[in-house]
Amino acid sequence: MRTIILTATTVIAIGLVNPSSSVAQSRQSVQDLFNKCVELARQRGYSNSDLDGNRAAARNFVIRCMQGRQR
């Protein structure tokens, strides 16, 4: 009986730890993708004021890039 309780507790603990680490990795990868898209926008001629000022064309470029629509 004790073995079953210990096993169940271990499985639950592992289940709680793994999703949080995958969420952290997901957030990091989204941030990395965003940074790459902003850098691509700069290479394509958008200025810092376009990107920082949240201008529509620059914002749309970054959004399309994050969706995989820009090369």
PDB file of N, CA and C in Angstrom:
ATOM      1  N   MET A   1       0.824  -1.197   0.000  1.00  0.00           N
ATOM      2  CA  MET A   1       0.000   0.000   0.000  1.00  0.00           C
ATOM      3  C   MET A   1       0.864   1.255   0.000  1.00  0.00           C
ATOM      4  N   ARG A   2       1.911   1.233   0.821  1.00  0.00           N
ATOM      5  CA  ARG A   2       2.806   2.389   0.872  1.00  0.00           C
ATOM      6  C   ARG A   2       3.510   2.603  -0.462  1.00  0.00           C
ATOM      7  N   THR A   3       3.846   1.528  -1.122  1.00  0.00           N
ATOM      8  CA  THR A   3       4.513   1.631  -2.418  1.00  0.00           C
ATOM      9  C   THR A   3       3.596   2.295  -3.445  1.00  0.00           C
ATOM     10  N   ILE A   4       2.336   1.961  -3.424  1.00  0.00           N
ATOM     11  CA  ILE A   4       1.384   2.552  -4.368  1.00  0.00           C
ATOM     12  C   ILE A   4       1.244   4.047  -4.110  1.00  0.00           C
ATOM     13  N   ILE A   5       1.139   4.428  -2.850  1.00  0.00           N
ATOM     14  CA  ILE A   5       1.009   5.849  -2.508  1.00  0.00           C
ATOM     15  C   ILE A   5       2.272   6.610  -2.901  1.00  0.00           C
ATOM     16  N   LEU A   6       3.434   6.033  -2.621  1.00  0.00           N
ATOM     17  CA  LEU A   6       4.697   6.672  -2.984  1.00  0.00           C
ATOM     18  C   LEU A   6       4.815   6.816  -4.502  1.00  0.00           C
ATOM     19  N   THR A   7       4.442   5.779  -5.243  1.00  0.00           N
ATOM     20  CA  THR A   7       4.505   5.825  -6.703  1.00  0.00           C
ATOM     21  C   THR A   7       3.553   6.875  -7.260  1.00  0.00           C
ATOM     22  N   ALA A   8       2.346   6.920  -6.744  1.00  0.00           N
ATOM     23  CA  ALA A   8       1.363   7.906  -7.205  1.00  0.00           C
ATOM     24  C   ALA A   8       1.831   9.320  -6.911  1.00  0.00           C
ATOM     25  N   THR A   9       2.392   9.538  -5.744  1.00  0.00           N
ATOM     26  CA  THR A   9       2.904  10.857  -5.383  1.00  0.00           C
ATOM     27  C   THR A   9       4.052  11.274  -6.298  1.00  0.00           C
ATOM     28  N   THR A  10       4.920  10.340  -6.615  1.00  0.00           N
ATOM     29  CA  THR A  10       6.043  10.623  -7.509  1.00  0.00           C
ATOM     30  C   THR A  10       5.557  10.980  -8.912  1.00  0.00           C
ATOM     31  N   VAL A  11       4.594  10.239  -9.416  1.00  0.00           N
ATOM     32  CA  VAL A  11       4.053  10.511 -10.752  1.00  0.00           C
ATOM     33  C   VAL A  11       3.403  11.892 -10.797  1.00  0.00           C
ATOM     34  N   ILE A  12       2.660  12.231  -9.772  1.00  0.00           N
ATOM     35  CA  ILE A  12       2.016  13.549  -9.719  1.00  0.00           C
ATOM     36  C   ILE A  12       3.067  14.651  -9.646  1.00  0.00           C
ATOM     37  N   ALA A  13       4.092  14.459  -8.845  1.00  0.00           N
ATOM     38  CA  ALA A  13       5.146  15.472  -8.716  1.00  0.00           C
ATOM     39  C   ALA A  13       5.868  15.681 -10.041  1.00  0.00           C
ATOM     40  N   ILE A  14       6.162  14.614 -10.742  1.00  0.00           N
ATOM     41  CA  ILE A  14       6.834  14.732 -12.052  1.00  0.00           C
ATOM     42  C   ILE A  14       5.922  15.429 -13.046  1.00  0.00           C
ATOM     43  N   GLY A  15       4.645  15.122 -13.005  1.00  0.00           N
ATOM     44  CA  GLY A  15       3.687  15.774 -13.897  1.00  0.00           C
ATOM     45  C   GLY A  15       3.578  17.265 -13.656  1.00  0.00           C
ATOM     46  N   LEU A  16       3.749  17.684 -12.410  1.00  0.00           N
ATOM     47  CA  LEU A  16       3.680  19.109 -12.093  1.00  0.00           C
ATOM     48  C   LEU A  16       4.942  19.852 -12.478  1.00  0.00           C
ATOM     49  N   VAL A  17       6.076  19.187 -12.445  1.00  0.00           N
ATOM     50  CA  VAL A  17       7.352  19.840 -12.750  1.00  0.00           C
ATOM     51  C   VAL A  17       7.548  20.002 -14.248  1.00  0.00           C
ATOM     52  N   ASN A  18       7.251  19.000 -15.038  1.00  0.00           N
ATOM     53  CA  ASN A  18       7.522  19.039 -16.475  1.00  0.00           C
ATOM     54  C   ASN A  18       6.772  20.120 -17.230  1.00  0.00           C
ATOM     55  N   PRO A  19       5.482  20.341 -17.024  1.00  0.00           N
ATOM     56  CA  PRO A  19       4.809  21.383 -17.794  1.00  0.00           C
ATOM     57  C   PRO A  19       5.380  22.771 -17.537  1.00  0.00           C
ATOM     58  N   SER A  20       5.774  23.061 -16.328  1.00  0.00           N
ATOM     59  CA  SER A  20       6.312  24.392 -16.050  1.00  0.00           C
ATOM     60  C   SER A  20       7.632  24.612 -16.763  1.00  0.00           C
ATOM     61  N   SER A  21       8.449  23.579 -16.898  1.00  0.00           N
ATOM     62  CA  SER A  21       9.707  23.752 -17.616  1.00  0.00           C
ATOM     63  C   SER A  21       9.458  23.910 -19.112  1.00  0.00           C
ATOM     64  N   SER A  22       8.453  23.239 -19.651  1.00  0.00           N
ATOM     65  CA  SER A  22       8.157  23.388 -21.070  1.00  0.00           C
ATOM     66  C   SER A  22       7.562  24.762 -21.355  1.00  0.00           C
ATOM     67  N   VAL A  23       6.806  25.316 -20.410  1.00  0.00           N
ATOM     68  CA  VAL A  23       6.271  26.668 -20.579  1.00  0.00           C
ATOM     69  C   VAL A  23       7.410  27.673 -20.594  1.00  0.00           C
ATOM     70  N   ALA A  24       8.386  27.507 -19.731  1.00  0.00           N
ATOM     71  CA  ALA A  24       9.534  28.414 -19.708  1.00  0.00           C
ATOM     72  C   ALA A  24      10.304  28.335 -21.027  1.00  0.00           C
ATOM     73  N   GLN A  25      10.473  27.132 -21.545  1.00  0.00           N
ATOM     74  CA  GLN A  25      11.163  26.981 -22.826  1.00  0.00           C
ATOM     75  C   GLN A  25      10.351  27.613 -23.943  1.00  0.00           C
ATOM     76  N   SER A  26       9.044  27.477 -23.892  1.00  0.00           N
ATOM     77  CA  SER A  26       8.186  28.060 -24.910  1.00  0.00           C
ATOM     78  C   SER A  26       8.295  29.575 -24.892  1.00  0.00           C
ATOM     79  N   ARG A  27       8.260  30.160 -23.712  1.00  0.00           N
ATOM     80  CA  ARG A  27       8.389  31.616 -23.607  1.00  0.00           C
ATOM     81  C   ARG A  27       9.731  32.080 -24.147  1.00  0.00           C
ATOM     82  N   GLN A  28      10.784  31.330 -23.836  1.00  0.00           N
ATOM     83  CA  GLN A  28      12.108  31.706 -24.307  1.00  0.00           C
ATOM     84  C   GLN A  28      12.164  31.616 -25.825  1.00  0.00           C
ATOM     85  N   SER A  29      11.597  30.579 -26.396  1.00  0.00           N
ATOM     86  CA  SER A  29      11.667  30.437 -27.846  1.00  0.00           C
ATOM     87  C   SER A  29      10.840  31.516 -28.546  1.00  0.00           C
ATOM     88  N   VAL A  30       9.719  31.928 -27.960  1.00  0.00           N
ATOM     89  CA  VAL A  30       8.922  33.011 -28.534  1.00  0.00           C
ATOM     90  C   VAL A  30       9.711  34.316 -28.479  1.00  0.00           C
ATOM     91  N   GLN A  31      10.383  34.558 -27.368  1.00  0.00           N
ATOM     92  CA  GLN A  31      11.194  35.767 -27.243  1.00  0.00           C
ATOM     93  C   GLN A  31      12.343  35.748 -28.247  1.00  0.00           C
ATOM     94  N   ASP A  32      12.974  34.589 -28.430  1.00  0.00           N
ATOM     95  CA  ASP A  32      14.046  34.469 -29.415  1.00  0.00           C
ATOM     96  C   ASP A  32      13.524  34.732 -30.826  1.00  0.00           C
ATOM     97  N   LEU A  33      12.362  34.184 -31.152  1.00  0.00           N
ATOM     98  CA  LEU A  33      11.762  34.405 -32.467  1.00  0.00           C
ATOM     99  C   LEU A  33      11.444  35.882 -32.672  1.00  0.00           C
ATOM    100  N   PHE A  34      10.883  36.522 -31.652  1.00  0.00           N
ATOM    101  CA  PHE A  34      10.579  37.946 -31.736  1.00  0.00           C
ATOM    102  C   PHE A  34      11.853  38.751 -31.996  1.00  0.00           C
ATOM    103  N   ASN A  35      12.912  38.457 -31.242  1.00  0.00           N
ATOM    104  CA  ASN A  35      14.174  39.183 -31.431  1.00  0.00           C
ATOM    105  C   ASN A  35      14.733  38.987 -32.835  1.00  0.00           C
ATOM    106  N   LYS A  36      14.637  37.776 -33.367  1.00  0.00           N
ATOM    107  CA  LYS A  36      15.121  37.517 -34.727  1.00  0.00           C
ATOM    108  C   LYS A  36      14.303  38.289 -35.758  1.00  0.00           C
ATOM    109  N   CYS A  37      12.995  38.371 -35.528  1.00  0.00           N
ATOM    110  CA  CYS A  37      12.133  39.093 -36.469  1.00  0.00           C
ATOM    111  C   CYS A  37      12.389  40.597 -36.412  1.00  0.00           C
ATOM    112  N   VAL A  38      12.645  41.125 -35.229  1.00  0.00           N
ATOM    113  CA  VAL A  38      12.973  42.545 -35.102  1.00  0.00           C
ATOM    114  C   VAL A  38      14.300  42.829 -35.797  1.00  0.00           C
ATOM    115  N   GLU A  39      15.250  41.938 -35.639  1.00  0.00           N
ATOM    116  CA  GLU A  39      16.544  42.109 -36.319  1.00  0.00           C
ATOM    117  C   GLU A  39      16.366  42.040 -37.836  1.00  0.00           C
ATOM    118  N   LEU A  40      15.528  41.149 -38.319  1.00  0.00           N
ATOM    119  CA  LEU A  40      15.248  41.065 -39.755  1.00  0.00           C
ATOM    120  C   LEU A  40      14.579  42.350 -40.241  1.00  0.00           C
ATOM    121  N   ALA A  41      13.679  42.896 -39.447  1.00  0.00           N
ATOM    122  CA  ALA A  41      13.025  44.156 -39.817  1.00  0.00           C
ATOM    123  C   ALA A  41      14.058  45.273 -39.943  1.00  0.00           C
ATOM    124  N   ARG A  42      15.008  45.308 -39.039  1.00  0.00           N
ATOM    125  CA  ARG A  42      16.075  46.330 -39.125  1.00  0.00           C
ATOM    126  C   ARG A  42      16.898  46.130 -40.394  1.00  0.00           C
ATOM    127  N   GLN A  43      17.194  44.879 -40.719  1.00  0.00           N
ATOM    128  CA  GLN A  43      17.950  44.595 -41.938  1.00  0.00           C
ATOM    129  C   GLN A  43      17.170  44.987 -43.186  1.00  0.00           C
ATOM    130  N   ARG A  44      15.861  44.927 -43.118  1.00  0.00           N
ATOM    131  CA  ARG A  44      15.011  45.268 -44.259  1.00  0.00           C
ATOM    132  C   ARG A  44      14.718  46.762 -44.344  1.00  0.00           C
ATOM    133  N   GLY A  45      15.276  47.549 -43.429  1.00  0.00           N
ATOM    134  CA  GLY A  45      15.148  48.993 -43.562  1.00  0.00           C
ATOM    135  C   GLY A  45      14.255  49.693 -42.565  1.00  0.00           C
ATOM    136  N   TYR A  46      13.634  48.974 -41.657  1.00  0.00           N
ATOM    137  CA  TYR A  46      12.824  49.630 -40.634  1.00  0.00           C
ATOM    138  C   TYR A  46      13.762  50.227 -39.582  1.00  0.00           C
ATOM    139  N   SER A  47      13.474  51.459 -39.196  1.00  0.00           N
ATOM    140  CA  SER A  47      14.331  52.132 -38.226  1.00  0.00           C
ATOM    141  C   SER A  47      13.912  51.772 -36.808  1.00  0.00           C
ATOM    142  N   ASN A  48      14.774  52.154 -35.866  1.00  0.00           N
ATOM    143  CA  ASN A  48      14.450  51.933 -34.452  1.00  0.00           C
ATOM    144  C   ASN A  48      13.185  52.686 -34.064  1.00  0.00           C
ATOM    145  N   SER A  49      13.001  53.877 -34.613  1.00  0.00           N
ATOM    146  CA  SER A  49      11.802  54.641 -34.266  1.00  0.00           C
ATOM    147  C   SER A  49      10.544  53.974 -34.835  1.00  0.00           C
ATOM    148  N   ASP A  50      10.674  53.307 -35.992  1.00  0.00           N
ATOM    149  CA  ASP A  50       9.536  52.555 -36.536  1.00  0.00           C
ATOM    150  C   ASP A  50       9.156  51.411 -35.595  1.00  0.00           C
ATOM    151  N   LEU A  51      10.180  50.693 -35.135  1.00  0.00           N
ATOM    152  CA  LEU A  51       9.935  49.529 -34.283  1.00  0.00           C
ATOM    153  C   LEU A  51       9.528  49.937 -32.871  1.00  0.00           C
ATOM    154  N   ASP A  52      10.213  50.930 -32.310  1.00  0.00           N
ATOM    155  CA  ASP A  52       9.906  51.359 -30.946  1.00  0.00           C
ATOM    156  C   ASP A  52       8.613  52.142 -30.878  1.00  0.00           C
ATOM    157  N   GLY A  53       8.287  52.860 -31.943  1.00  0.00           N
ATOM    158  CA  GLY A  53       7.075  53.659 -31.979  1.00  0.00           C
ATOM    159  C   GLY A  53       5.836  52.857 -32.310  1.00  0.00           C
ATOM    160  N   ASN A  54       6.015  51.552 -32.509  1.00  0.00           N
ATOM    161  CA  ASN A  54       4.892  50.661 -32.795  1.00  0.00           C
ATOM    162  C   ASN A  54       4.123  51.102 -34.038  1.00  0.00           C
ATOM    163  N   ARG A  55       4.869  51.516 -35.064  1.00  0.00           N
ATOM    164  CA  ARG A  55       4.230  51.906 -36.311  1.00  0.00           C
ATOM    165  C   ARG A  55       3.647  50.679 -36.992  1.00  0.00           C
ATOM    166  N   ALA A  56       2.531  50.873 -37.664  1.00  0.00           N
ATOM    167  CA  ALA A  56       1.759  49.761 -38.216  1.00  0.00           C
ATOM    168  C   ALA A  56       2.573  48.892 -39.175  1.00  0.00           C
ATOM    169  N   ALA A  57       3.319  49.495 -40.070  1.00  0.00           N
ATOM    170  CA  ALA A  57       4.061  48.712 -41.063  1.00  0.00           C
ATOM    171  C   ALA A  57       5.125  47.845 -40.390  1.00  0.00           C
ATOM    172  N   ALA A  58       5.862  48.421 -39.453  1.00  0.00           N
ATOM    173  CA  ALA A  58       6.898  47.660 -38.755  1.00  0.00           C
ATOM    174  C   ALA A  58       6.273  46.574 -37.883  1.00  0.00           C
ATOM    175  N   ARG A  59       5.196  46.918 -37.189  1.00  0.00           N
ATOM    176  CA  ARG A  59       4.508  45.949 -36.336  1.00  0.00           C
ATOM    177  C   ARG A  59       3.975  44.783 -37.172  1.00  0.00           C
ATOM    178  N   ASN A  60       3.364  45.097 -38.303  1.00  0.00           N
ATOM    179  CA  ASN A  60       2.832  44.051 -39.175  1.00  0.00           C
ATOM    180  C   ASN A  60       3.935  43.177 -39.746  1.00  0.00           C
ATOM    181  N   PHE A  61       5.071  43.788 -40.066  1.00  0.00           N
ATOM    182  CA  PHE A  61       6.203  43.014 -40.568  1.00  0.00           C
ATOM    183  C   PHE A  61       6.649  41.992 -39.529  1.00  0.00           C
ATOM    184  N   VAL A  62       6.793  42.438 -38.285  1.00  0.00           N
ATOM    185  CA  VAL A  62       7.243  41.541 -37.217  1.00  0.00           C
ATOM    186  C   VAL A  62       6.200  40.450 -36.970  1.00  0.00           C
ATOM    187  N   ILE A  63       4.939  40.800 -36.981  1.00  0.00           N
ATOM    188  CA  ILE A  63       3.882  39.803 -36.775  1.00  0.00           C
ATOM    189  C   ILE A  63       3.911  38.760 -37.884  1.00  0.00           C
ATOM    190  N   ARG A  64       4.016  39.209 -39.134  1.00  0.00           N
ATOM    191  CA  ARG A  64       4.065  38.252 -40.254  1.00  0.00           C
ATOM    192  C   ARG A  64       5.316  37.383 -40.176  1.00  0.00           C
ATOM    193  N   CYS A  65       6.413  37.972 -39.738  1.00  0.00           N
ATOM    194  CA  CYS A  65       7.644  37.206 -39.583  1.00  0.00           C
ATOM    195  C   CYS A  65       7.470  36.114 -38.538  1.00  0.00           C
ATOM    196  N   MET A  66       6.845  36.453 -37.421  1.00  0.00           N
ATOM    197  CA  MET A  66       6.642  35.463 -36.356  1.00  0.00           C
ATOM    198  C   MET A  66       5.670  34.377 -36.803  1.00  0.00           C
ATOM    199  N   GLN A  67       4.802  34.691 -37.740  1.00  0.00           N
ATOM    200  CA  GLN A  67       3.886  33.686 -38.286  1.00  0.00           C
ATOM    201  C   GLN A  67       4.547  32.863 -39.393  1.00  0.00           C
ATOM    202  N   GLY A  68       5.766  33.233 -39.769  1.00  0.00           N
ATOM    203  CA  GLY A  68       6.489  32.487 -40.796  1.00  0.00           C
ATOM    204  C   GLY A  68       6.223  32.973 -42.201  1.00  0.00           C
ATOM    205  N   ARG A  69       5.674  34.176 -42.331  1.00  0.00           N
ATOM    206  CA  ARG A  69       5.316  34.689 -43.657  1.00  0.00           C
ATOM    207  C   ARG A  69       6.377  35.589 -44.266  1.00  0.00           C
ATOM    208  N   GLN A  70       7.451  35.864 -43.556  1.00  0.00           N
ATOM    209  CA  GLN A  70       8.537  36.690 -44.086  1.00  0.00           C
ATOM    210  C   GLN A  70       9.775  35.823 -44.193  1.00  0.00           C
ATOM    211  N   ARG A  71      10.564  36.106 -45.185  1.00  0.00           N
ATOM    212  CA  ARG A  71      11.817  35.345 -45.366  1.00  0.00           C
ATOM    213  C   ARG A  71      12.998  36.270 -45.311  1.00  0.00           C
TER     214      ARG A  71
END
